Amino acid sequence: MSERTESTAATVPVFDGHNDTLLDLGVAGRSFFERSDAGHIDLPRAREGGLAGGLFAVFVRDPKAAVEEPQEIDDEAADADGADGPDDTAAAIGAPRSRYASVERMPPPMPL
């Protein structure tokens, strides 16, 4: 890291507006807590770069849908049917919670 980058990282908190770190961790089997060349974010690099926070994307595939076929959403039909979301709310909430349970064990946030 250059001196200018280090100086900026030390004084300006960084907020990542969208990242796929959680999705990458689930697939790659790597640890968020250990430095890695895989992915864009791990805890050591986040601390060095001044990452203060971010929005971590979570995607839950519909277990009833075929994996190979992309789903198309028909907003008009959904509105007509009164559908507001998944039929199985417990599965929609439980899947990301169980897949990313290790996130709950992350260290406390870094001070700004």
PDB file of N, CA and C in Angstrom:
ATOM      1  N   MET A   1       0.849  -1.166   0.000  1.00  0.00           N
ATOM      2  CA  MET A   1       0.000   0.000   0.000  1.00  0.00           C
ATOM      3  C   MET A   1       0.899   1.236   0.000  1.00  0.00           C
ATOM      4  N   SER A   2       0.574   2.232  -0.826  1.00  0.00           N
ATOM      5  CA  SER A   2       1.383   3.448  -0.880  1.00  0.00           C
ATOM      6  C   SER A   2       1.166   4.281   0.379  1.00  0.00           C
ATOM      7  N   GLU A   3       2.084   5.205   0.637  1.00  0.00           N
ATOM      8  CA  GLU A   3       1.948   6.073   1.820  1.00  0.00           C
ATOM      9  C   GLU A   3       0.662   6.886   1.743  1.00  0.00           C
ATOM     10  N   ARG A   4       0.336   7.376   0.548  1.00  0.00           N
ATOM     11  CA  ARG A   4      -0.879   8.175   0.381  1.00  0.00           C
ATOM     12  C   ARG A   4      -2.121   7.331   0.688  1.00  0.00           C
ATOM     13  N   THR A   5      -2.131   6.105   0.195  1.00  0.00           N
ATOM     14  CA  THR A   5      -3.261   5.213   0.454  1.00  0.00           C
ATOM     15  C   THR A   5      -3.374   4.907   1.936  1.00  0.00           C
ATOM     16  N   GLU A   6      -2.251   4.625   2.580  1.00  0.00           N
ATOM     17  CA  GLU A   6      -2.260   4.354   4.017  1.00  0.00           C
ATOM     18  C   GLU A   6      -2.773   5.556   4.791  1.00  0.00           C
ATOM     19  N   SER A   7      -2.358   6.753   4.404  1.00  0.00           N
ATOM     20  CA  SER A   7      -2.794   7.973   5.083  1.00  0.00           C
ATOM     21  C   SER A   7      -4.301   8.165   4.920  1.00  0.00           C
ATOM     22  N   THR A   8      -4.794   7.963   3.704  1.00  0.00           N
ATOM     23  CA  THR A   8      -6.227   8.113   3.446  1.00  0.00           C
ATOM     24  C   THR A   8      -7.022   7.066   4.215  1.00  0.00           C
ATOM     25  N   ALA A   9      -6.569   5.822   4.197  1.00  0.00           N
ATOM     26  CA  ALA A   9      -7.268   4.745   4.899  1.00  0.00           C
ATOM     27  C   ALA A   9      -7.308   4.997   6.396  1.00  0.00           C
ATOM     28  N   ALA A  10      -6.298   5.646   6.922  1.00  0.00           N
ATOM     29  CA  ALA A  10      -6.243   5.916   8.356  1.00  0.00           C
ATOM     30  C   ALA A  10      -7.180   7.047   8.760  1.00  0.00           C
ATOM     31  N   THR A  11      -7.567   7.908   7.823  1.00  0.00           N
ATOM     32  CA  THR A  11      -8.371   9.074   8.184  1.00  0.00           C
ATOM     33  C   THR A  11      -9.792   9.060   7.627  1.00  0.00           C
ATOM     34  N   VAL A  12     -10.059   8.308   6.571  1.00  0.00           N
ATOM     35  CA  VAL A  12     -11.373   8.315   5.937  1.00  0.00           C
ATOM     36  C   VAL A  12     -12.012   6.933   6.067  1.00  0.00           C
ATOM     37  N   PRO A  13     -13.114   6.819   6.833  1.00  0.00           N
ATOM     38  CA  PRO A  13     -13.778   5.520   6.924  1.00  0.00           C
ATOM     39  C   PRO A  13     -14.401   5.152   5.576  1.00  0.00           C
ATOM     40  N   VAL A  14     -14.348   3.888   5.234  1.00  0.00           N
ATOM     41  CA  VAL A  14     -14.864   3.401   3.959  1.00  0.00           C
ATOM     42  C   VAL A  14     -16.135   2.598   4.216  1.00  0.00           C
ATOM     43  N   PHE A  15     -17.176   2.871   3.416  1.00  0.00           N
ATOM     44  CA  PHE A  15     -18.409   2.087   3.471  1.00  0.00           C
ATOM     45  C   PHE A  15     -18.620   1.462   2.102  1.00  0.00           C
ATOM     46  N   ASP A  16     -18.677   0.145   2.050  1.00  0.00           N
ATOM     47  CA  ASP A  16     -18.864  -0.590   0.802  1.00  0.00           C
ATOM     48  C   ASP A  16     -20.362  -0.754   0.567  1.00  0.00           C
ATOM     49  N   GLY A  17     -20.887  -0.112  -0.471  1.00  0.00           N
ATOM     50  CA  GLY A  17     -22.320  -0.108  -0.731  1.00  0.00           C
ATOM     51  C   GLY A  17     -22.904  -1.420  -1.215  1.00  0.00           C
ATOM     52  N   HIS A  18     -22.082  -2.331  -1.693  1.00  0.00           N
ATOM     53  CA  HIS A  18     -22.560  -3.660  -2.104  1.00  0.00           C
ATOM     54  C   HIS A  18     -21.358  -4.568  -2.270  1.00  0.00           C
ATOM     55  N   ASN A  19     -21.404  -5.706  -1.601  1.00  0.00           N
ATOM     56  CA  ASN A  19     -20.353  -6.694  -1.834  1.00  0.00           C
ATOM     57  C   ASN A  19     -20.937  -8.095  -1.726  1.00  0.00           C
ATOM     58  N   ASP A  20     -20.249  -9.027  -2.349  1.00  0.00           N
ATOM     59  CA  ASP A  20     -20.694 -10.424  -2.393  1.00  0.00           C
ATOM     60  C   ASP A  20     -19.868 -11.316  -1.481  1.00  0.00           C
ATOM     61  N   THR A  21     -19.267 -10.748  -0.465  1.00  0.00           N
ATOM     62  CA  THR A  21     -18.379 -11.504   0.416  1.00  0.00           C
ATOM     63  C   THR A  21     -19.067 -12.713   1.030  1.00  0.00           C
ATOM     64  N   LEU A  22     -20.267 -12.557   1.546  1.00  0.00           N
ATOM     65  CA  LEU A  22     -20.962 -13.686   2.173  1.00  0.00           C
ATOM     66  C   LEU A  22     -21.252 -14.791   1.164  1.00  0.00           C
ATOM     67  N   LEU A  23     -21.613 -14.400  -0.049  1.00  0.00           N
ATOM     68  CA  LEU A  23     -21.868 -15.397  -1.084  1.00  0.00           C
ATOM     69  C   LEU A  23     -20.585 -16.133  -1.439  1.00  0.00           C
ATOM     70  N   ASP A  24     -19.480 -15.401  -1.527  1.00  0.00           N
ATOM     71  CA  ASP A  24     -18.184 -16.012  -1.847  1.00  0.00           C
ATOM     72  C   ASP A  24     -17.727 -16.957  -0.746  1.00  0.00           C
ATOM     73  N   LEU A  25     -17.945 -16.591   0.496  1.00  0.00           N
ATOM     74  CA  LEU A  25     -17.514 -17.440   1.606  1.00  0.00           C
ATOM     75  C   LEU A  25     -18.240 -18.769   1.592  1.00  0.00           C
ATOM     76  N   GLY A  26     -19.514 -18.740   1.268  1.00  0.00           N
ATOM     77  CA  GLY A  26     -20.286 -19.973   1.234  1.00  0.00           C
ATOM     78  C   GLY A  26     -19.819 -20.932   0.158  1.00  0.00           C
ATOM     79  N   VAL A  27     -19.327 -20.400  -0.951  1.00  0.00           N
ATOM     80  CA  VAL A  27     -18.897 -21.231  -2.070  1.00  0.00           C
ATOM     81  C   VAL A  27     -17.431 -21.624  -1.941  1.00  0.00           C
ATOM     82  N   ALA A  28     -16.593 -20.671  -1.613  1.00  0.00           N
ATOM     83  CA  ALA A  28     -15.144 -20.909  -1.619  1.00  0.00           C
ATOM     84  C   ALA A  28     -14.657 -21.666  -0.390  1.00  0.00           C
ATOM     85  N   GLY A  29     -15.435 -21.650   0.687  1.00  0.00           N
ATOM     86  CA  GLY A  29     -15.018 -22.337   1.898  1.00  0.00           C
ATOM     87  C   GLY A  29     -13.845 -21.672   2.584  1.00  0.00           C
ATOM     88  N   ARG A  30     -13.644 -20.397   2.326  1.00  0.00           N
ATOM     89  CA  ARG A  30     -12.532 -19.690   2.964  1.00  0.00           C
ATOM     90  C   ARG A  30     -13.020 -18.986   4.217  1.00  0.00           C
ATOM     91  N   SER A  31     -12.095 -18.593   5.059  1.00  0.00           N
ATOM     92  CA  SER A  31     -12.430 -17.909   6.300  1.00  0.00           C
ATOM     93  C   SER A  31     -12.343 -16.403   6.105  1.00  0.00           C
ATOM     94  N   PHE A  32     -13.359 -15.704   6.554  1.00  0.00           N
ATOM     95  CA  PHE A  32     -13.353 -14.243   6.504  1.00  0.00           C
ATOM     96  C   PHE A  32     -12.260 -13.674   7.402  1.00  0.00           C
ATOM     97  N   PHE A  33     -11.883 -14.413   8.425  1.00  0.00           N
ATOM     98  CA  PHE A  33     -10.967 -13.912   9.443  1.00  0.00           C
ATOM     99  C   PHE A  33      -9.498 -14.050   9.056  1.00  0.00           C
ATOM    100  N   GLU A  34      -9.199 -14.773   7.981  1.00  0.00           N
ATOM    101  CA  GLU A  34      -7.823 -14.981   7.548  1.00  0.00           C
ATOM    102  C   GLU A  34      -7.572 -14.278   6.219  1.00  0.00           C
ATOM    103  N   ARG A  35      -6.386 -13.697   6.068  1.00  0.00           N
ATOM    104  CA  ARG A  35      -6.009 -13.035   4.819  1.00  0.00           C
ATOM    105  C   ARG A  35      -6.061 -14.058   3.683  1.00  0.00           C
ATOM    106  N   SER A  36      -6.588 -13.622   2.554  1.00  0.00           N
ATOM    107  CA  SER A  36      -6.708 -14.512   1.406  1.00  0.00           C
ATOM    108  C   SER A  36      -6.618 -13.700   0.124  1.00  0.00           C
ATOM    109  N   ASP A  37      -6.073 -14.310  -0.910  1.00  0.00           N
ATOM    110  CA  ASP A  37      -6.071 -13.678  -2.227  1.00  0.00           C
ATOM    111  C   ASP A  37      -7.396 -13.918  -2.945  1.00  0.00           C
ATOM    112  N   ALA A  38      -8.210 -14.817  -2.407  1.00  0.00           N
ATOM    113  CA  ALA A  38      -9.525 -15.093  -2.987  1.00  0.00           C
ATOM    114  C   ALA A  38     -10.510 -14.031  -2.505  1.00  0.00           C
ATOM    115  N   GLY A  39     -11.406 -13.621  -3.379  1.00  0.00           N
ATOM    116  CA  GLY A  39     -12.419 -12.641  -2.987  1.00  0.00           C
ATOM    117  C   GLY A  39     -11.850 -11.243  -2.827  1.00  0.00           C
ATOM    118  N   HIS A  40     -12.707 -10.324  -2.461  1.00  0.00           N
ATOM    119  CA  HIS A  40     -12.298  -8.931  -2.331  1.00  0.00           C
ATOM    120  C   HIS A  40     -12.123  -8.486  -0.895  1.00  0.00           C
ATOM    121  N   ILE A  41     -12.817  -9.131   0.044  1.00  0.00           N
ATOM    122  CA  ILE A  41     -12.772  -8.663   1.433  1.00  0.00           C
ATOM    123  C   ILE A  41     -12.476  -9.828   2.367  1.00  0.00           C
ATOM    124  N   ASP A  42     -11.572  -9.600   3.281  1.00  0.00           N
ATOM    125  CA  ASP A  42     -11.362 -10.458   4.443  1.00  0.00           C
ATOM    126  C   ASP A  42     -11.034  -9.501   5.586  1.00  0.00           C
ATOM    127  N   LEU A  43     -11.106  -9.968   6.814  1.00  0.00           N
ATOM    128  CA  LEU A  43     -10.946  -9.073   7.960  1.00  0.00           C
ATOM    129  C   LEU A  43      -9.600  -8.350   7.977  1.00  0.00           C
ATOM    130  N   PRO A  44      -8.470  -9.024   7.747  1.00  0.00           N
ATOM    131  CA  PRO A  44      -7.201  -8.290   7.763  1.00  0.00           C
ATOM    132  C   PRO A  44      -7.150  -7.167   6.721  1.00  0.00           C
ATOM    133  N   ARG A  45      -7.607  -7.436   5.502  1.00  0.00           N
ATOM    134  CA  ARG A  45      -7.582  -6.393   4.465  1.00  0.00           C
ATOM    135  C   ARG A  45      -8.608  -5.304   4.750  1.00  0.00           C
ATOM    136  N   ALA A  46      -9.755  -5.669   5.324  1.00  0.00           N
ATOM    137  CA  ALA A  46     -10.765  -4.664   5.667  1.00  0.00           C
ATOM    138  C   ALA A  46     -10.214  -3.686   6.700  1.00  0.00           C
ATOM    139  N   ARG A  47      -9.535  -4.211   7.702  1.00  0.00           N
ATOM    140  CA  ARG A  47      -8.952  -3.339   8.730  1.00  0.00           C
ATOM    141  C   ARG A  47      -7.876  -2.435   8.141  1.00  0.00           C
ATOM    142  N   GLU A  48      -7.011  -3.009   7.312  1.00  0.00           N
ATOM    143  CA  GLU A  48      -5.947  -2.215   6.696  1.00  0.00           C
ATOM    144  C   GLU A  48      -6.505  -1.118   5.802  1.00  0.00           C
ATOM    145  N   GLY A  49      -7.603  -1.413   5.113  1.00  0.00           N
ATOM    146  CA  GLY A  49      -8.185  -0.458   4.180  1.00  0.00           C
ATOM    147  C   GLY A  49      -9.155   0.521   4.802  1.00  0.00           C
ATOM    148  N   GLY A  50      -9.414   0.420   6.098  1.00  0.00           N
ATOM    149  CA  GLY A  50     -10.313   1.352   6.764  1.00  0.00           C
ATOM    150  C   GLY A  50     -11.785   1.075   6.528  1.00  0.00           C
ATOM    151  N   LEU A  51     -12.148  -0.180   6.255  1.00  0.00           N
ATOM    152  CA  LEU A  51     -13.554  -0.516   6.034  1.00  0.00           C
ATOM    153  C   LEU A  51     -14.327  -0.354   7.337  1.00  0.00           C
ATOM    154  N   ALA A  52     -15.273   0.579   7.328  1.00  0.00           N
ATOM    155  CA  ALA A  52     -16.078   0.843   8.516  1.00  0.00           C
ATOM    156  C   ALA A  52     -17.388   0.062   8.491  1.00  0.00           C
ATOM    157  N   GLY A  53     -17.833  -0.347   7.299  1.00  0.00           N
ATOM    158  CA  GLY A  53     -19.082  -1.087   7.190  1.00  0.00           C
ATOM    159  C   GLY A  53     -19.420  -1.354   5.746  1.00  0.00           C
ATOM    160  N   GLY A  54     -20.510  -2.060   5.548  1.00  0.00           N
ATOM    161  CA  GLY A  54     -20.919  -2.360   4.189  1.00  0.00           C
ATOM    162  C   GLY A  54     -22.226  -3.111   4.151  1.00  0.00           C
ATOM    163  N   LEU A  55     -22.786  -3.181   2.972  1.00  0.00           N
ATOM    164  CA  LEU A  55     -24.002  -3.950   2.728  1.00  0.00           C
ATOM    165  C   LEU A  55     -23.581  -5.266   2.091  1.00  0.00           C
ATOM    166  N   PHE A  56     -23.777  -6.339   2.826  1.00  0.00           N
ATOM    167  CA  PHE A  56     -23.369  -7.659   2.377  1.00  0.00           C
ATOM    168  C   PHE A  56     -24.563  -8.343   1.728  1.00  0.00           C
ATOM    169  N   ALA A  57     -24.460  -8.640   0.437  1.00  0.00           N
ATOM    170  CA  ALA A  57     -25.556  -9.250  -0.311  1.00  0.00           C
ATOM    171  C   ALA A  57     -25.816 -10.676   0.168  1.00  0.00           C
ATOM    172  N   VAL A  58     -27.095 -11.038   0.209  1.00  0.00           N
ATOM    173  CA  VAL A  58     -27.509 -12.396   0.541  1.00  0.00           C
ATOM    174  C   VAL A  58     -28.535 -12.819  -0.502  1.00  0.00           C
ATOM    175  N   PHE A  59     -28.337 -13.986  -1.077  1.00  0.00           N
ATOM    176  CA  PHE A  59     -29.263 -14.522  -2.071  1.00  0.00           C
ATOM    177  C   PHE A  59     -29.738 -15.880  -1.592  1.00  0.00           C
ATOM    178  N   VAL A  60     -31.030 -16.079  -1.603  1.00  0.00           N
ATOM    179  CA  VAL A  60     -31.597 -17.370  -1.214  1.00  0.00           C
ATOM    180  C   VAL A  60     -32.343 -17.931  -2.415  1.00  0.00           C
ATOM    181  N   ARG A  61     -31.836 -19.036  -2.932  1.00  0.00           N
ATOM    182  CA  ARG A  61     -32.475 -19.684  -4.079  1.00  0.00           C
ATOM    183  C   ARG A  61     -33.772 -20.353  -3.623  1.00  0.00           C
ATOM    184  N   ASP A  62     -34.798 -20.280  -4.455  1.00  0.00           N
ATOM    185  CA  ASP A  62     -36.060 -20.962  -4.180  1.00  0.00           C
ATOM    186  C   ASP A  62     -35.807 -22.463  -4.264  1.00  0.00           C
ATOM    187  N   PRO A  63     -35.980 -23.200  -3.161  1.00  0.00           N
ATOM    188  CA  PRO A  63     -35.676 -24.633  -3.186  1.00  0.00           C
ATOM    189  C   PRO A  63     -36.592 -25.421  -4.120  1.00  0.00           C
ATOM    190  N   LYS A  64     -37.720 -24.843  -4.503  1.00  0.00           N
ATOM    191  CA  LYS A  64     -38.653 -25.541  -5.391  1.00  0.00           C
ATOM    192  C   LYS A  64     -38.320 -25.320  -6.864  1.00  0.00           C
ATOM    193  N   ALA A  65     -37.484 -24.322  -7.152  1.00  0.00           N
ATOM    194  CA  ALA A  65     -37.161 -23.986  -8.540  1.00  0.00           C
ATOM    195  C   ALA A  65     -36.003 -24.842  -9.040  1.00  0.00           C
ATOM    196  N   ALA A  66     -36.010 -25.106 -10.328  1.00  0.00           N
ATOM    197  CA  ALA A  66     -34.898 -25.842 -10.935  1.00  0.00           C
ATOM    198  C   ALA A  66     -33.660 -24.957 -10.900  1.00  0.00           C
ATOM    199  N   VAL A  67     -32.538 -25.533 -10.574  1.00  0.00           N
ATOM    200  CA  VAL A  67     -31.296 -24.769 -10.446  1.00  0.00           C
ATOM    201  C   VAL A  67     -30.875 -24.163 -11.773  1.00  0.00           C
ATOM    202  N   GLU A  68     -31.081 -24.883 -12.866  1.00  0.00           N
ATOM    203  CA  GLU A  68     -30.605 -24.419 -14.172  1.00  0.00           C
ATOM    204  C   GLU A  68     -31.464 -23.310 -14.771  1.00  0.00           C
ATOM    205  N   GLU A  69     -32.702 -23.193 -14.361  1.00  0.00           N
ATOM    206  CA  GLU A  69     -33.614 -22.253 -14.992  1.00  0.00           C
ATOM    207  C   GLU A  69     -33.715 -20.956 -14.201  1.00  0.00           C
ATOM    208  N   PRO A  70     -33.418 -19.817 -14.842  1.00  0.00           N
ATOM    209  CA  PRO A  70     -33.596 -18.548 -14.136  1.00  0.00           C
ATOM    210  C   PRO A  70     -35.081 -18.276 -13.917  1.00  0.00           C
ATOM    211  N   GLN A  71     -35.386 -17.609 -12.822  1.00  0.00           N
ATOM    212  CA  GLN A  71     -36.775 -17.296 -12.516  1.00  0.00           C
ATOM    213  C   GLN A  71     -37.133 -15.936 -13.090  1.00  0.00           C
ATOM    214  N   GLU A  72     -38.313 -15.868 -13.680  1.00  0.00           N
ATOM    215  CA  GLU A  72     -38.815 -14.591 -14.156  1.00  0.00           C
ATOM    216  C   GLU A  72     -39.931 -14.154 -13.225  1.00  0.00           C
ATOM    217  N   ILE A  73     -39.941 -12.885 -12.897  1.00  0.00           N
ATOM    218  CA  ILE A  73     -40.951 -12.353 -11.990  1.00  0.00           C
ATOM    219  C   ILE A  73     -41.953 -11.550 -12.801  1.00  0.00           C
ATOM    220  N   ASP A  74     -43.208 -11.914 -12.711  1.00  0.00           N
ATOM    221  CA  ASP A  74     -44.280 -11.202 -13.383  1.00  0.00           C
ATOM    222  C   ASP A  74     -44.952 -10.324 -12.336  1.00  0.00           C
ATOM    223  N   ASP A  75     -44.553  -9.046 -12.283  1.00  0.00           N
ATOM    224  CA  ASP A  75     -45.059  -8.132 -11.259  1.00  0.00           C
ATOM    225  C   ASP A  75     -46.575  -7.975 -11.324  1.00  0.00           C
ATOM    226  N   GLU A  76     -47.138  -7.917 -12.534  1.00  0.00           N
ATOM    227  CA  GLU A  76     -48.583  -7.736 -12.659  1.00  0.00           C
ATOM    228  C   GLU A  76     -49.336  -8.945 -12.107  1.00  0.00           C
ATOM    229  N   ALA A  77     -48.865 -10.140 -12.423  1.00  0.00           N
ATOM    230  CA  ALA A  77     -49.527 -11.349 -11.924  1.00  0.00           C
ATOM    231  C   ALA A  77     -49.392 -11.445 -10.413  1.00  0.00           C
ATOM    232  N   ALA A  78     -48.239 -11.089  -9.890  1.00  0.00           N
ATOM    233  CA  ALA A  78     -48.033 -11.136  -8.439  1.00  0.00           C
ATOM    234  C   ALA A  78     -48.960 -10.153  -7.745  1.00  0.00           C
ATOM    235  N   ASP A  79     -49.110  -8.957  -8.318  1.00  0.00           N
ATOM    236  CA  ASP A  79     -50.005  -7.967  -7.726  1.00  0.00           C
ATOM    237  C   ASP A  79     -51.454  -8.442  -7.775  1.00  0.00           C
ATOM    238  N   ALA A  80     -51.854  -9.064  -8.889  1.00  0.00           N
ATOM    239  CA  ALA A  80     -53.229  -9.539  -9.037  1.00  0.00           C
ATOM    240  C   ALA A  80     -53.531 -10.665  -8.053  1.00  0.00           C
ATOM    241  N   ASP A  81     -52.537 -11.497  -7.795  1.00  0.00           N
ATOM    242  CA  ASP A  81     -52.727 -12.605  -6.857  1.00  0.00           C
ATOM    243  C   ASP A  81     -52.600 -12.167  -5.410  1.00  0.00           C
ATOM    244  N   GLY A  82     -52.130 -10.959  -5.193  1.00  0.00           N
ATOM    245  CA  GLY A  82     -51.915 -10.483  -3.834  1.00  0.00           C
ATOM    246  C   GLY A  82     -50.659 -11.058  -3.212  1.00  0.00           C
ATOM    247  N   ALA A  83     -49.772 -11.609  -4.029  1.00  0.00           N
ATOM    248  CA  ALA A  83     -48.536 -12.209  -3.510  1.00  0.00           C
ATOM    249  C   ALA A  83     -47.558 -11.117  -3.106  1.00  0.00           C
ATOM    250  N   ASP A  84     -47.116 -11.187  -1.877  1.00  0.00           N
ATOM    251  CA  ASP A  84     -46.169 -10.196  -1.385  1.00  0.00           C
ATOM    252  C   ASP A  84     -44.778 -10.766  -1.180  1.00  0.00           C
ATOM    253  N   GLY A  85     -44.584 -12.043  -1.344  1.00  0.00           N
ATOM    254  CA  GLY A  85     -43.271 -12.618  -1.107  1.00  0.00           C
ATOM    255  C   GLY A  85     -43.330 -14.122  -1.128  1.00  0.00           C
ATOM    256  N   PRO A  86     -42.299 -14.764  -0.587  1.00  0.00           N
ATOM    257  CA  PRO A  86     -42.240 -16.222  -0.613  1.00  0.00           C
ATOM    258  C   PRO A  86     -43.395 -16.845   0.164  1.00  0.00           C
ATOM    259  N   ASP A  87     -43.852 -18.009  -0.313  1.00  0.00           N
ATOM    260  CA  ASP A  87     -44.912 -18.725   0.388  1.00  0.00           C
ATOM    261  C   ASP A  87     -44.409 -19.275   1.710  1.00  0.00           C
ATOM    262  N   ASP A  88     -43.154 -19.657   1.755  1.00  0.00           N
ATOM    263  CA  ASP A  88     -42.585 -20.271   2.944  1.00  0.00           C
ATOM    264  C   ASP A  88     -41.655 -19.279   3.637  1.00  0.00           C
ATOM    265  N   THR A  89     -42.235 -18.440   4.473  1.00  0.00           N
ATOM    266  CA  THR A  89     -41.463 -17.400   5.153  1.00  0.00           C
ATOM    267  C   THR A  89     -40.376 -17.988   6.033  1.00  0.00           C
ATOM    268  N   ALA A  90     -40.666 -19.084   6.700  1.00  0.00           N
ATOM    269  CA  ALA A  90     -39.663 -19.698   7.580  1.00  0.00           C
ATOM    270  C   ALA A  90     -38.431 -20.112   6.788  1.00  0.00           C
ATOM    271  N   ALA A  91     -38.630 -20.694   5.606  1.00  0.00           N
ATOM    272  CA  ALA A  91     -37.490 -21.099   4.775  1.00  0.00           C
ATOM    273  C   ALA A  91     -36.741 -19.880   4.263  1.00  0.00           C
ATOM    274  N   ALA A  92     -37.487 -18.832   3.895  1.00  0.00           N
ATOM    275  CA  ALA A  92     -36.847 -17.628   3.376  1.00  0.00           C
ATOM    276  C   ALA A  92     -35.982 -16.953   4.431  1.00  0.00           C
ATOM    277  N   ILE A  93     -36.382 -17.045   5.682  1.00  0.00           N
ATOM    278  CA  ILE A  93     -35.603 -16.448   6.771  1.00  0.00           C
ATOM    279  C   ILE A  93     -34.532 -17.411   7.257  1.00  0.00           C
ATOM    280  N   GLY A  94     -34.875 -18.681   7.359  1.00  0.00           N
ATOM    281  CA  GLY A  94     -33.956 -19.669   7.921  1.00  0.00           C
ATOM    282  C   GLY A  94     -32.753 -19.977   7.055  1.00  0.00           C
ATOM    283  N   ALA A  95     -32.924 -19.986   5.742  1.00  0.00           N
ATOM    284  CA  ALA A  95     -31.819 -20.346   4.850  1.00  0.00           C
ATOM    285  C   ALA A  95     -30.620 -19.421   5.002  1.00  0.00           C
ATOM    286  N   PRO A  96     -30.793 -18.099   4.907  1.00  0.00           N
ATOM    287  CA  PRO A  96     -29.607 -17.251   5.067  1.00  0.00           C
ATOM    288  C   PRO A  96     -29.058 -17.284   6.484  1.00  0.00           C
ATOM    289  N   ARG A  97     -29.931 -17.427   7.469  1.00  0.00           N
ATOM    290  CA  ARG A  97     -29.444 -17.484   8.855  1.00  0.00           C
ATOM    291  C   ARG A  97     -28.554 -18.697   9.083  1.00  0.00           C
ATOM    292  N   SER A  98     -28.960 -19.836   8.567  1.00  0.00           N
ATOM    293  CA  SER A  98     -28.149 -21.037   8.793  1.00  0.00           C
ATOM    294  C   SER A  98     -26.890 -21.031   7.939  1.00  0.00           C
ATOM    295  N   ARG A  99     -26.996 -20.548   6.711  1.00  0.00           N
ATOM    296  CA  ARG A  99     -25.822 -20.552   5.822  1.00  0.00           C
ATOM    297  C   ARG A  99     -24.737 -19.617   6.312  1.00  0.00           C
ATOM    298  N   TYR A 100     -25.114 -18.514   6.874  1.00  0.00           N
ATOM    299  CA  TYR A 100     -24.142 -17.506   7.291  1.00  0.00           C
ATOM    300  C   TYR A 100     -24.100 -17.323   8.806  1.00  0.00           C
ATOM    301  N   ALA A 101     -24.350 -18.394   9.531  1.00  0.00           N
ATOM    302  CA  ALA A 101     -24.342 -18.321  10.994  1.00  0.00           C
ATOM    303  C   ALA A 101     -22.990 -17.872  11.532  1.00  0.00           C
ATOM    304  N   SER A 102     -21.922 -18.153  10.809  1.00  0.00           N
ATOM    305  CA  SER A 102     -20.590 -17.755  11.280  1.00  0.00           C
ATOM    306  C   SER A 102     -20.442 -16.239  11.353  1.00  0.00           C
ATOM    307  N   VAL A 103     -21.258 -15.512  10.611  1.00  0.00           N
ATOM    308  CA  VAL A 103     -21.190 -14.051  10.644  1.00  0.00           C
ATOM    309  C   VAL A 103     -21.539 -13.533  12.034  1.00  0.00           C
ATOM    310  N   GLU A 104     -22.431 -14.232  12.727  1.00  0.00           N
ATOM    311  CA  GLU A 104     -22.818 -13.812  14.073  1.00  0.00           C
ATOM    312  C   GLU A 104     -21.649 -13.894  15.047  1.00  0.00           C
ATOM    313  N   ARG A 105     -20.647 -14.682  14.698  1.00  0.00           N
ATOM    314  CA  ARG A 105     -19.484 -14.821  15.572  1.00  0.00           C
ATOM    315  C   ARG A 105     -18.355 -13.863  15.196  1.00  0.00           C
ATOM    316  N   MET A 106     -18.633 -12.928  14.312  1.00  0.00           N
ATOM    317  CA  MET A 106     -17.603 -11.966  13.903  1.00  0.00           C
ATOM    318  C   MET A 106     -17.246 -11.053  15.065  1.00  0.00           C
ATOM    319  N   PRO A 107     -16.028 -10.530  15.048  1.00  0.00           N
ATOM    320  CA  PRO A 107     -15.618  -9.618  16.114  1.00  0.00           C
ATOM    321  C   PRO A 107     -16.429  -8.329  16.064  1.00  0.00           C
ATOM    322  N   PRO A 108     -16.431  -7.570  17.156  1.00  0.00           N
ATOM    323  CA  PRO A 108     -17.176  -6.313  17.164  1.00  0.00           C
ATOM    324  C   PRO A 108     -16.638  -5.355  16.105  1.00  0.00           C
ATOM    325  N   PRO A 109     -17.463  -4.393  15.678  1.00  0.00           N
ATOM    326  CA  PRO A 109     -17.028  -3.449  14.651  1.00  0.00           C
ATOM    327  C   PRO A 109     -15.797  -2.661  15.090  1.00  0.00           C
ATOM    328  N   MET A 110     -15.027  -2.253  14.093  1.00  0.00           N
ATOM    329  CA  MET A 110     -13.840  -1.448  14.365  1.00  0.00           C
ATOM    330  C   MET A 110     -14.271  -0.023  14.702  1.00  0.00           C
ATOM    331  N   PRO A 111     -13.592   0.630  15.613  1.00  0.00           N
ATOM    332  CA  PRO A 111     -13.916   2.035  15.873  1.00  0.00           C
ATOM    333  C   PRO A 111     -13.536   2.890  14.670  1.00  0.00           C
ATOM    334  N   LEU A 112     -14.314   3.926  14.435  1.00  0.00           N
ATOM    335  CA  LEU A 112     -14.019   4.836  13.313  1.00  0.00           C
ATOM    336  C   LEU A 112     -12.866   5.748  13.630  1.00  0.00           C
TER     337      LEU A 112
END
